[in-house]
Amino acid sequence: MKRIKSLSAFTLLLLLAQSIHSQSSAPTNAAAKTKIFLHSGWKFSQAGRVDWHPAIVPGCVHTDLLRNKMIDDPFFRDNEEKLQWIGKTDWEYETAFDVTPELLKRENIELVFDGLDTYAEIFLNDTRLLNTNNMFRTWRVSCKSVLRRGANILRLKFRSPINEILPLMAKLSYELPASNDAGEKTSPYTRKAPYQYGWDRDFAPIALVAQWPWRAPVIQLPSAFDCCWLVDRPETNAHGPAFAKTKTGDG
């Protein structure tokens, strides 16, 4: 009798564990279906040219150039100094992806960029969606009105971070300190990883300033009430900030 009770209790525990696992895995699977990562089919080109070359995203323009045998190893002898032109050049990345009729039925569709370095214009099917200026933040934009059934073209036009800042510096009557910057001292004026400009003058005296999608773009289908942020409403809330939610998607 005790053995039967033990088996029954064990069976109930197994059923309970399976139920909990099913409930916990369901939201995860649902969430996975709301994101489509665009990490394949990429190519890159120097701005203004018509020749395109295979690229890897996430990636870096230097490694793409090296992989396509367009430059020598930057860390061999004095090659690093010879490749400074890369950071002063504009580059473009492009990929094509398909959109199904089922996807277009969604009420809201967004393009999300978790890693763009740094100054870039984002075009979807030749329509300009974004102009970015910060490597360290996420950029999010609605794209349903631009998407079309079948093939879609996403192009990222990266501008040289050095050339972007030099005109700004020329207008200033002062210069911010940049002892580790081995180039034109533009690093303090931009939201970009400082190590690219030469982190240590003894160890890395020359900079390798890059432009690149360091994380793959994502097509995201927002769920209902998936945004929550802090809202300050002093005129209506005497006790300070309040949390607010908004419905941003289907469901």
Protein backbone atom coordinates (compact mmCIF):
# COMPACT_ATOMS: atom_id res chain seq x y z
CA MET A 1 0.00 0.00 0.00
CA LYS A 2 2.81 2.36 0.94
CA ARG A 3 4.56 1.49 -2.32
CA ILE A 4 1.44 2.36 -4.31
CA LYS A 5 1.16 5.68 -2.48
CA SER A 6 4.81 6.43 -3.16
CA LEU A 7 4.39 5.64 -6.85
CA SER A 8 1.28 7.79 -6.98
CA ALA A 9 3.06 10.69 -5.31
CA PHE A 10 6.01 10.32 -7.67
CA THR A 11 3.66 10.25 -10.67
CA LEU A 12 1.95 13.41 -9.46
CA LEU A 13 5.32 15.13 -9.06
CA LEU A 14 6.28 14.15 -12.62
CA LEU A 15 3.00 15.49 -13.97
CA LEU A 16 3.41 18.71 -11.99
CA ALA A 17 6.98 19.17 -13.23
CA GLN A 18 5.90 18.56 -16.82
CA SER A 19 3.07 21.08 -16.44
CA ILE A 20 5.41 23.73 -15.01
CA HIS A 21 7.94 23.08 -17.79
CA SER A 22 5.25 23.41 -20.46
CA GLN A 23 3.97 26.66 -18.98
CA SER A 24 7.46 28.15 -18.64
CA SER A 25 8.59 27.12 -22.13
CA ALA A 26 5.49 28.41 -23.92
CA PRO A 27 6.27 32.13 -23.44
CA THR A 28 9.88 31.52 -24.46
CA ASN A 29 8.85 29.83 -27.70
CA ALA A 30 6.29 32.56 -28.39
CA ALA A 31 8.87 35.26 -27.74
CA ALA A 32 11.34 33.55 -30.08
CA LYS A 33 8.84 33.73 -32.91
CA THR A 34 8.54 37.50 -32.55
CA LYS A 35 12.14 38.15 -33.66
CA ILE A 36 13.74 37.52 -37.04
CA PHE A 37 17.52 38.06 -37.04
CA LEU A 38 19.01 39.42 -40.26
CA HIS A 39 22.46 37.89 -40.05
CA SER A 40 22.85 36.30 -43.49
CA GLY A 41 23.26 37.43 -47.09
CA TRP A 42 25.25 40.57 -46.26
CA LYS A 43 27.62 42.34 -48.62
CA PHE A 44 29.66 45.55 -48.30
CA SER A 45 31.17 48.21 -50.49
CA GLN A 46 33.15 51.40 -50.28
CA ALA A 47 30.67 54.24 -50.71
CA GLY A 48 30.47 55.51 -54.26
CA ARG A 49 31.70 52.28 -55.82
CA VAL A 50 29.73 49.61 -57.64
CA ASP A 51 31.76 46.57 -56.59
CA TRP A 52 30.29 44.61 -53.66
CA HIS A 53 31.97 41.91 -51.56
CA PRO A 54 30.68 39.26 -49.11
CA ALA A 55 30.42 40.42 -45.51
CA ILE A 56 29.76 38.81 -42.15
CA VAL A 57 27.30 40.45 -39.74
CA PRO A 58 27.96 40.87 -36.89
CA GLY A 59 31.35 41.94 -38.13
CA CYS A 60 33.79 44.73 -38.83
CA VAL A 61 34.85 46.50 -41.99
CA HIS A 62 38.51 45.67 -41.30
CA THR A 63 37.85 41.93 -40.98
CA ASP A 64 35.61 41.99 -44.06
CA LEU A 65 38.35 43.70 -46.05
CA LEU A 66 40.91 41.22 -44.75
CA ARG A 67 38.69 38.22 -45.47
CA ASN A 68 38.22 39.39 -49.05
CA LYS A 69 42.00 39.88 -49.42
CA MET A 70 41.56 43.60 -50.01
CA ILE A 71 44.04 44.62 -47.30
CA ASP A 72 47.06 43.08 -45.59
CA ASP A 73 47.08 42.02 -41.96
CA PRO A 74 46.76 45.28 -39.97
CA PHE A 75 48.94 43.90 -37.15
CA PHE A 76 51.91 42.96 -39.32
CA ARG A 77 54.83 45.40 -39.21
CA ASP A 78 53.64 48.94 -40.06
CA ASN A 79 50.47 47.91 -41.94
CA GLU A 80 48.33 49.49 -39.25
CA GLU A 81 49.59 52.94 -40.18
CA LYS A 82 49.05 52.28 -43.89
CA LEU A 83 45.38 51.38 -43.30
CA GLN A 84 44.29 54.60 -41.62
CA TRP A 85 42.31 55.48 -44.75
CA ILE A 86 39.67 52.91 -43.76
CA GLY A 87 38.44 54.98 -40.81
CA LYS A 88 38.28 58.06 -43.03
CA THR A 89 36.16 56.34 -45.67
CA ASP A 90 32.40 55.81 -45.88
CA TRP A 91 31.16 52.21 -46.14
CA GLU A 92 27.86 50.55 -47.02
CA TYR A 93 26.39 47.23 -45.93
CA GLU A 94 23.40 45.62 -47.62
CA THR A 95 21.27 42.50 -47.35
CA ALA A 96 18.06 41.15 -48.86
CA PHE A 97 15.36 39.28 -46.98
CA ASP A 98 11.91 37.93 -47.76
CA VAL A 99 8.66 38.95 -46.08
CA THR A 100 5.68 36.61 -46.08
CA PRO A 101 2.03 37.67 -46.38
CA GLU A 102 1.48 36.32 -42.86
CA LEU A 103 4.11 38.68 -41.48
CA LEU A 104 2.55 41.67 -43.19
CA LYS A 105 -0.74 40.92 -41.42
CA ARG A 106 0.79 41.98 -38.13
CA GLU A 107 -0.35 45.36 -36.87
CA ASN A 108 3.13 46.55 -35.90
CA ILE A 109 6.52 45.54 -37.28
CA GLU A 110 9.78 47.13 -36.15
CA LEU A 111 13.41 47.10 -37.20
CA VAL A 112 15.68 46.98 -34.17
CA PHE A 113 19.41 47.75 -34.22
CA ASP A 114 21.30 46.83 -31.05
CA GLY A 115 24.73 47.53 -32.50
CA LEU A 116 25.54 50.19 -35.10
CA ASP A 117 28.95 51.82 -35.06
CA THR A 118 28.35 54.73 -35.25
CA TYR A 119 27.11 57.31 -37.80
CA ALA A 120 24.77 55.57 -40.22
CA GLU A 121 21.74 56.15 -42.39
CA ILE A 122 19.34 53.24 -42.55
CA PHE A 123 17.41 52.59 -45.76
CA LEU A 124 14.73 49.97 -46.31
CA ASN A 125 13.65 49.55 -49.93
CA ASP A 126 15.26 52.95 -50.69
CA THR A 127 13.24 54.68 -47.96
CA ARG A 128 15.30 56.41 -45.27
CA LEU A 129 14.23 55.23 -41.82
CA LEU A 130 16.95 56.30 -39.40
CA ASN A 131 20.03 58.44 -38.91
CA THR A 132 22.16 57.11 -36.04
CA ASN A 133 24.94 58.75 -34.03
CA ASN A 134 25.57 56.53 -31.00
CA MET A 135 27.27 53.14 -30.86
CA PHE A 136 26.08 52.32 -27.35
CA ARG A 137 22.29 52.46 -27.69
CA THR A 138 19.49 50.52 -29.32
CA TRP A 139 17.72 52.06 -32.31
CA ARG A 140 14.15 51.05 -33.03
CA VAL A 141 11.90 52.15 -35.90
CA SER A 142 8.53 51.10 -37.30
CA CYS A 143 8.90 49.62 -40.77
CA LYS A 144 5.59 48.01 -41.74
CA SER A 145 4.64 50.81 -44.14
CA VAL A 146 7.89 50.26 -46.05
CA LEU A 147 7.96 46.48 -46.10
CA ARG A 148 6.63 44.66 -49.13
CA ARG A 149 5.71 41.10 -49.90
CA GLY A 150 8.66 39.08 -51.16
CA ALA A 151 12.17 40.53 -51.43
CA ASN A 152 13.19 43.57 -49.35
CA ILE A 153 16.50 45.43 -49.37
CA LEU A 154 18.09 46.78 -46.18
CA ARG A 155 21.08 49.11 -46.63
CA LEU A 156 23.27 50.64 -43.92
CA LYS A 157 25.31 53.67 -45.01
CA PHE A 158 28.11 54.29 -42.53
CA ARG A 159 29.84 57.66 -42.48
CA SER A 160 33.43 58.12 -41.37
CA PRO A 161 33.39 59.00 -37.64
CA ILE A 162 36.54 61.06 -38.11
CA ASN A 163 35.21 63.12 -41.01
CA GLU A 164 31.91 63.50 -39.17
CA ILE A 165 33.55 65.23 -36.19
CA LEU A 166 36.30 67.31 -37.78
CA PRO A 167 33.93 70.09 -38.99
CA LEU A 168 32.45 70.31 -35.49
CA MET A 169 35.91 70.63 -33.92
CA ALA A 170 36.82 73.37 -36.38
CA LYS A 171 33.98 75.51 -35.03
CA LEU A 172 35.10 75.22 -31.41
CA SER A 173 37.53 77.50 -29.66
CA TYR A 174 38.86 74.67 -27.47
CA GLU A 175 39.97 71.06 -27.80
CA LEU A 176 39.00 68.28 -25.43
CA PRO A 177 41.89 66.23 -24.02
CA ALA A 178 42.49 62.95 -25.88
CA SER A 179 45.92 61.67 -24.88
CA ASN A 180 45.20 58.15 -26.08
CA ASP A 181 43.85 59.24 -29.46
CA ALA A 182 46.54 58.48 -32.02
CA GLY A 183 44.71 60.28 -34.81
CA GLU A 184 42.90 63.60 -35.17
CA LYS A 185 41.72 63.73 -31.49
CA THR A 186 38.07 63.30 -32.49
CA SER A 187 37.30 60.51 -30.00
CA PRO A 188 36.01 62.67 -27.07
CA TYR A 189 33.31 64.19 -29.28
CA THR A 190 31.61 60.98 -30.35
CA ARG A 191 29.69 58.13 -28.69
CA LYS A 192 32.02 55.42 -29.91
CA ALA A 193 34.37 52.84 -28.35
CA PRO A 194 37.55 54.74 -27.37
CA TYR A 195 39.86 51.76 -27.87
CA GLN A 196 39.51 52.09 -31.65
CA TYR A 197 41.45 55.36 -31.52
CA GLY A 198 44.50 53.83 -29.83
CA TRP A 199 43.91 52.74 -26.24
CA ASP A 200 47.53 52.86 -25.09
CA ARG A 201 50.10 54.98 -26.86
CA ASP A 202 52.84 52.46 -25.99
CA PHE A 203 50.91 49.27 -26.79
CA ALA A 204 48.66 50.48 -29.63
CA PRO A 205 50.12 53.74 -30.93
CA ILE A 206 48.03 53.65 -34.12
CA ALA A 207 44.25 53.62 -34.32
CA LEU A 208 41.96 51.24 -36.20
CA VAL A 209 38.75 53.26 -36.37
CA ALA A 210 35.95 51.05 -37.64
CA GLN A 211 32.42 51.35 -38.98
CA TRP A 212 30.33 48.26 -38.68
CA PRO A 213 27.09 46.56 -37.65
CA TRP A 214 28.46 44.88 -34.53
CA ARG A 215 25.13 43.18 -33.87
CA ALA A 216 22.73 41.81 -36.45
CA PRO A 217 19.57 43.85 -37.12
CA VAL A 218 16.31 42.29 -36.01
CA ILE A 219 12.78 42.39 -37.36
CA GLN A 220 10.67 42.47 -34.22
CA LEU A 221 6.93 41.94 -33.81
CA PRO A 222 6.01 43.74 -30.58
CA SER A 223 3.57 42.10 -28.19
CA ALA A 224 0.84 43.90 -26.30
CA PHE A 225 2.07 46.06 -23.43
CA ASP A 226 5.70 45.25 -24.06
CA CYS A 227 6.97 48.74 -23.27
CA CYS A 228 7.33 50.18 -19.81
CA TRP A 229 9.19 53.34 -18.90
CA LEU A 230 9.48 56.05 -16.27
CA VAL A 231 7.33 59.11 -16.87
CA ASP A 232 7.72 62.34 -14.94
CA ARG A 233 4.44 64.23 -14.63
CA PRO A 234 4.98 66.90 -11.97
CA GLU A 235 1.77 68.74 -12.83
CA THR A 236 -0.41 65.70 -12.07
CA ASN A 237 1.69 63.61 -9.71
CA ALA A 238 2.84 65.37 -6.57
CA HIS A 239 4.69 62.27 -5.40
CA GLY A 240 7.16 62.21 -8.28
CA PRO A 241 7.63 59.93 -11.29
CA ALA A 242 5.18 57.22 -12.27
CA PHE A 243 5.45 54.09 -14.39
CA ALA A 244 3.43 53.99 -17.59
CA LYS A 245 2.73 51.25 -20.10
CA THR A 246 1.63 51.44 -23.69
CA LYS A 247 0.21 48.90 -26.11
CA THR A 248 2.72 48.73 -28.92
CA GLY A 249 1.78 45.63 -30.82
CA ASP A 250 -0.59 42.83 -31.57
CA GLY A 251 -2.33 40.78 -28.92
